[in-house]
N, C-alpha and C. Protein backbone atom coordinates (compact mmCIF):
# COMPACT_ATOMS: atom_id res chain seq x y z
N UNK A 1 41.59 138.00 -119.71
CA UNK A 1 42.54 136.60 -121.13
C UNK A 1 44.27 136.88 -120.77
N UNK A 2 44.16 135.63 -120.22
CA UNK A 2 45.67 135.02 -119.97
C UNK A 2 46.13 134.51 -121.52
N UNK A 3 47.47 134.66 -122.09
CA UNK A 3 48.14 133.85 -123.17
C UNK A 3 49.27 133.23 -122.35
N UNK A 4 49.26 131.69 -122.43
CA UNK A 4 50.50 130.91 -121.72
C UNK A 4 50.98 130.71 -122.76
N UNK A 5 52.81 130.11 -122.82
CA UNK A 5 53.31 130.23 -123.37
C UNK A 5 54.67 129.47 -123.33
N UNK A 6 55.62 128.49 -124.02
CA UNK A 6 56.40 127.42 -124.12
C UNK A 6 57.71 128.22 -124.03
N UNK A 7 58.41 128.44 -123.24
CA UNK A 7 59.64 128.88 -123.74
C UNK A 7 60.49 128.20 -124.31
N UNK A 8 60.88 128.41 -125.38
CA UNK A 8 62.47 127.40 -125.51
C UNK A 8 63.88 127.59 -125.10
N UNK A 9 64.17 126.44 -123.92
CA UNK A 9 65.41 126.71 -122.80
C UNK A 9 65.87 126.73 -123.69
N UNK A 10 67.72 127.20 -123.92
CA UNK A 10 68.59 127.72 -123.95
C UNK A 10 69.87 126.51 -123.44
N UNK A 11 70.51 126.50 -124.84
CA UNK A 11 71.14 125.04 -124.08
C UNK A 11 72.64 125.83 -125.67
N UNK A 12 73.45 125.19 -124.76
CA UNK A 12 75.08 125.47 -125.69
C UNK A 12 74.93 124.43 -127.04
N UNK A 13 74.76 124.10 -126.85
CA UNK A 13 74.04 122.56 -128.22
C UNK A 13 73.69 123.25 -129.50
N UNK A 14 72.40 123.65 -129.17
CA UNK A 14 71.36 124.04 -129.98
C UNK A 14 71.13 125.38 -129.69
N UNK A 15 72.11 126.08 -129.44
CA UNK A 15 72.26 127.83 -129.20
C UNK A 15 70.63 127.76 -129.26
N UNK A 16 70.11 129.54 -130.01
CA UNK A 16 68.97 130.01 -129.78
C UNK A 16 67.87 128.84 -130.43
N UNK A 17 66.42 128.14 -129.43
CA UNK A 17 65.93 128.41 -130.72
C UNK A 17 64.32 128.97 -131.23
N UNK A 18 64.02 129.78 -132.40
CA UNK A 18 62.86 130.21 -132.29
C UNK A 18 61.63 129.80 -132.83
N UNK A 19 60.53 130.57 -132.00
CA UNK A 19 59.64 129.44 -131.74
C UNK A 19 58.32 130.57 -133.09
N UNK A 20 57.69 130.26 -133.91
CA UNK A 20 56.87 131.13 -134.51
C UNK A 20 55.50 130.65 -134.32
N UNK A 21 54.24 131.43 -134.43
CA UNK A 21 52.59 131.73 -134.27
C UNK A 21 52.44 130.90 -135.48
N UNK A 22 51.12 129.84 -135.53
CA UNK A 22 50.84 129.59 -136.53
C UNK A 22 51.00 131.03 -137.90
N UNK A 23 49.77 131.44 -138.56
CA UNK A 23 50.08 132.80 -138.88
C UNK A 23 50.50 134.22 -138.69
N UNK A 24 51.55 133.75 -137.90
CA UNK A 24 52.19 134.80 -137.55
C UNK A 24 52.59 136.39 -138.64
N UNK A 25 51.90 137.55 -138.45
CA UNK A 25 52.68 138.53 -139.91
C UNK A 25 53.53 139.63 -138.67
N UNK A 26 54.61 140.18 -138.95
CA UNK A 26 55.84 140.69 -138.45
C UNK A 26 56.35 142.11 -139.52
N UNK A 27 56.34 142.80 -139.65
CA UNK A 27 56.32 144.24 -140.19
C UNK A 27 56.73 145.29 -139.41
N UNK A 28 58.43 145.78 -140.17
CA UNK A 28 59.30 146.31 -139.52
C UNK A 28 59.81 147.24 -140.48
N UNK A 29 58.96 148.88 -140.25
CA UNK A 29 60.58 150.23 -141.38
C UNK A 29 60.34 150.98 -140.26
N UNK A 30 61.50 151.87 -140.44
CA UNK A 30 61.52 152.89 -140.09
C UNK A 30 61.60 154.49 -140.79
N UNK A 31 61.35 155.17 -140.09
CA UNK A 31 60.93 156.63 -140.43
C UNK A 31 61.31 158.03 -139.45
N UNK A 32 62.67 158.79 -140.42
CA UNK A 32 64.02 159.23 -139.60
C UNK A 32 64.12 158.68 -138.10
N UNK A 33 63.43 159.68 -136.98
CA UNK A 33 64.52 158.99 -136.79
C UNK A 33 62.96 157.93 -134.92
N UNK A 34 62.10 157.32 -136.04
CA UNK A 34 62.15 156.57 -135.13
C UNK A 34 61.46 154.98 -135.87
N UNK A 35 61.88 153.47 -135.56
CA UNK A 35 60.98 152.41 -135.84
C UNK A 35 59.72 152.03 -135.01
N UNK A 36 59.95 151.20 -135.74
CA UNK A 36 56.95 151.13 -135.70
C UNK A 36 58.01 149.41 -136.15
N UNK A 37 57.74 148.52 -135.77
CA UNK A 37 56.79 146.76 -135.64
C UNK A 37 55.59 146.93 -135.50
N UNK A 38 54.92 146.75 -136.31
CA UNK A 38 53.95 145.87 -135.96
C UNK A 38 53.53 144.84 -136.85
N UNK A 39 52.36 144.31 -135.78
CA UNK A 39 52.42 142.73 -135.90
C UNK A 39 50.93 142.39 -135.36
N UNK A 40 50.48 140.96 -135.72
CA UNK A 40 49.09 140.89 -135.92
C UNK A 40 49.61 139.75 -134.07
N UNK A 41 48.38 139.34 -133.90
CA UNK A 41 48.26 138.80 -132.30
C UNK A 41 49.31 137.47 -131.95
N UNK A 42 49.34 137.01 -133.19
CA UNK A 42 50.11 135.45 -133.66
C UNK A 42 51.64 136.73 -133.94
N UNK A 43 52.07 137.54 -134.44
CA UNK A 43 52.77 137.93 -134.48
C UNK A 43 53.74 138.36 -133.54
N UNK A 44 52.79 139.19 -132.20
CA UNK A 44 53.33 139.45 -130.76
C UNK A 44 54.16 138.51 -129.83
N UNK A 45 52.92 137.94 -130.07
CA UNK A 45 53.46 136.30 -129.16
C UNK A 45 54.73 135.69 -129.21
N UNK A 46 54.49 135.52 -130.86
CA UNK A 46 55.59 135.55 -131.30
C UNK A 46 57.22 135.45 -130.77
N UNK A 47 57.43 137.16 -131.32
CA UNK A 47 58.49 137.86 -130.94
C UNK A 47 58.57 138.43 -129.08
N UNK A 48 57.60 138.19 -128.30
CA UNK A 48 57.64 137.74 -127.22
C UNK A 48 57.88 136.25 -126.62
N UNK A 49 57.84 135.79 -127.05
CA UNK A 49 58.51 133.88 -127.21
C UNK A 49 60.00 134.42 -127.22
N UNK A 50 60.58 134.92 -127.85
CA UNK A 50 62.21 135.31 -128.46
C UNK A 50 62.60 136.04 -127.71
N UNK A 51 62.05 137.05 -127.13
CA UNK A 51 62.41 138.23 -125.86
C UNK A 51 63.20 136.83 -125.16
N UNK A 52 62.54 136.40 -124.04
CA UNK A 52 61.61 135.53 -123.01
C UNK A 52 62.81 134.38 -123.52
N UNK A 53 63.91 133.87 -124.16
CA UNK A 53 63.93 133.77 -124.34
C UNK A 53 65.44 134.21 -125.02
N UNK A 54 65.59 135.34 -125.27
CA UNK A 54 67.00 135.50 -124.76
C UNK A 54 67.54 136.31 -123.92
N UNK A 55 65.72 136.72 -122.87
CA UNK A 55 66.07 136.88 -121.59
C UNK A 55 66.68 135.55 -120.19
N UNK A 56 66.56 134.37 -120.96
CA UNK A 56 67.94 133.57 -119.80
C UNK A 56 68.66 133.82 -119.47
N UNK A 57 69.20 133.51 -118.53
CA UNK A 57 69.67 133.38 -117.87
C UNK A 57 71.48 132.56 -118.79
N UNK A 58 71.49 131.80 -118.99
CA UNK A 58 71.88 130.95 -119.59
C UNK A 58 72.68 131.34 -121.17
N UNK A 59 71.77 132.30 -121.56
CA UNK A 59 72.33 132.96 -123.02
C UNK A 59 73.35 133.63 -122.34
N UNK A 60 74.28 133.84 -123.07
CA UNK A 60 75.65 135.01 -122.89
C UNK A 60 74.72 135.89 -123.80
N UNK A 61 75.68 137.55 -122.89
CA UNK A 61 75.79 138.47 -123.41
C UNK A 61 75.91 138.86 -124.93
N UNK A 62 75.71 139.29 -126.18
CA UNK A 62 75.65 139.82 -127.48
C UNK A 62 75.15 138.28 -127.97
N UNK A 63 74.38 137.20 -127.81
CA UNK A 63 73.67 136.97 -128.45
C UNK A 63 72.34 137.04 -128.78
N UNK A 64 72.27 136.79 -130.37
CA UNK A 64 71.08 137.85 -130.83
C UNK A 64 69.93 136.91 -131.93
N UNK A 65 69.17 137.39 -131.93
CA UNK A 65 67.98 137.28 -133.06
C UNK A 65 68.07 137.94 -134.69
N UNK A 66 68.19 137.92 -135.20
CA UNK A 66 68.85 138.70 -136.56
C UNK A 66 67.12 138.52 -137.18
N UNK A 67 66.25 138.98 -137.90
CA UNK A 67 65.10 139.24 -138.84
C UNK A 67 65.02 139.90 -139.52
N UNK A 68 64.94 139.06 -140.46
CA UNK A 68 64.75 140.23 -142.19
C UNK A 68 63.35 139.65 -142.65
N UNK A 69 63.70 140.01 -143.75
CA UNK A 69 62.40 139.44 -145.44
C UNK A 69 61.89 138.75 -145.04
N UNK A 70 63.70 137.77 -145.42
CA UNK A 70 64.02 136.76 -146.43
C UNK A 70 63.56 135.28 -144.94
N UNK A 71 63.54 135.83 -143.73
CA UNK A 71 62.70 134.51 -142.76
C UNK A 71 62.24 135.04 -142.02
N UNK A 72 61.71 135.70 -142.08
CA UNK A 72 60.43 136.34 -140.68
C UNK A 72 59.25 137.50 -140.84
N UNK A 73 60.26 139.05 -141.62
CA UNK A 73 59.66 139.77 -141.33
C UNK A 73 58.27 139.63 -142.71
N UNK A 74 57.52 140.59 -142.91
CA UNK A 74 57.62 140.44 -144.00
C UNK A 74 57.69 141.51 -145.19
N UNK A 75 57.10 141.23 -146.30
CA UNK A 75 58.02 141.95 -148.00
C UNK A 75 58.05 143.07 -147.66
N UNK A 76 59.27 144.06 -148.19
CA UNK A 76 59.47 145.04 -147.81
C UNK A 76 59.92 145.74 -146.10
N UNK A 77 59.82 144.86 -145.32
CA UNK A 77 60.24 145.21 -143.76
C UNK A 77 61.64 145.14 -143.64
N UNK A 78 62.61 146.40 -143.35
CA UNK A 78 63.82 146.78 -142.79
C UNK A 78 64.45 145.46 -141.16
N UNK A 79 65.74 145.17 -142.23
CA UNK A 79 66.74 144.41 -140.56
C UNK A 79 66.19 144.56 -139.44
N UNK A 80 65.95 143.88 -138.67
CA UNK A 80 65.24 144.52 -136.85
C UNK A 80 66.66 142.98 -136.24
N UNK A 81 67.36 143.45 -135.05
CA UNK A 81 68.36 142.61 -135.16
C UNK A 81 67.66 142.83 -133.21
N UNK A 82 67.70 141.52 -132.55
CA UNK A 82 67.45 141.81 -131.12
C UNK A 82 68.44 141.35 -129.89
N UNK A 83 69.35 141.80 -129.87
CA UNK A 83 71.08 141.18 -128.49
C UNK A 83 70.26 141.24 -127.53
N UNK A 84 70.86 140.78 -126.75
CA UNK A 84 70.95 140.25 -125.40
C UNK A 84 72.00 141.85 -125.14
N UNK A 85 72.80 141.99 -123.65
CA UNK A 85 73.92 143.30 -123.57
C UNK A 85 73.33 143.01 -122.27
N UNK A 86 74.32 143.69 -121.69
CA UNK A 86 74.73 143.89 -120.63
C UNK A 86 75.25 145.38 -120.34
N UNK A 87 73.83 146.06 -119.68
CA UNK A 87 74.33 147.41 -119.79
C UNK A 87 73.98 148.53 -118.30
């Protein structure tokens, strides 16, 4: 199976643009020293798109997506921050 996605093009004026697939669900939990990300297919594709958005050369180090149960995660999820870093 092949999955085709459109990656939102980054521009300094628009900043990072999130794209969410229809009917996505993502749940993030943490226990001891482990973090769990559970997602349906639409949720996994949505996360992949946002990771690829951050990976663009034009995106500056330090830019990030912040997810919580108010804007994208299921109720009861812990916050998830994915940041571009230069390691």
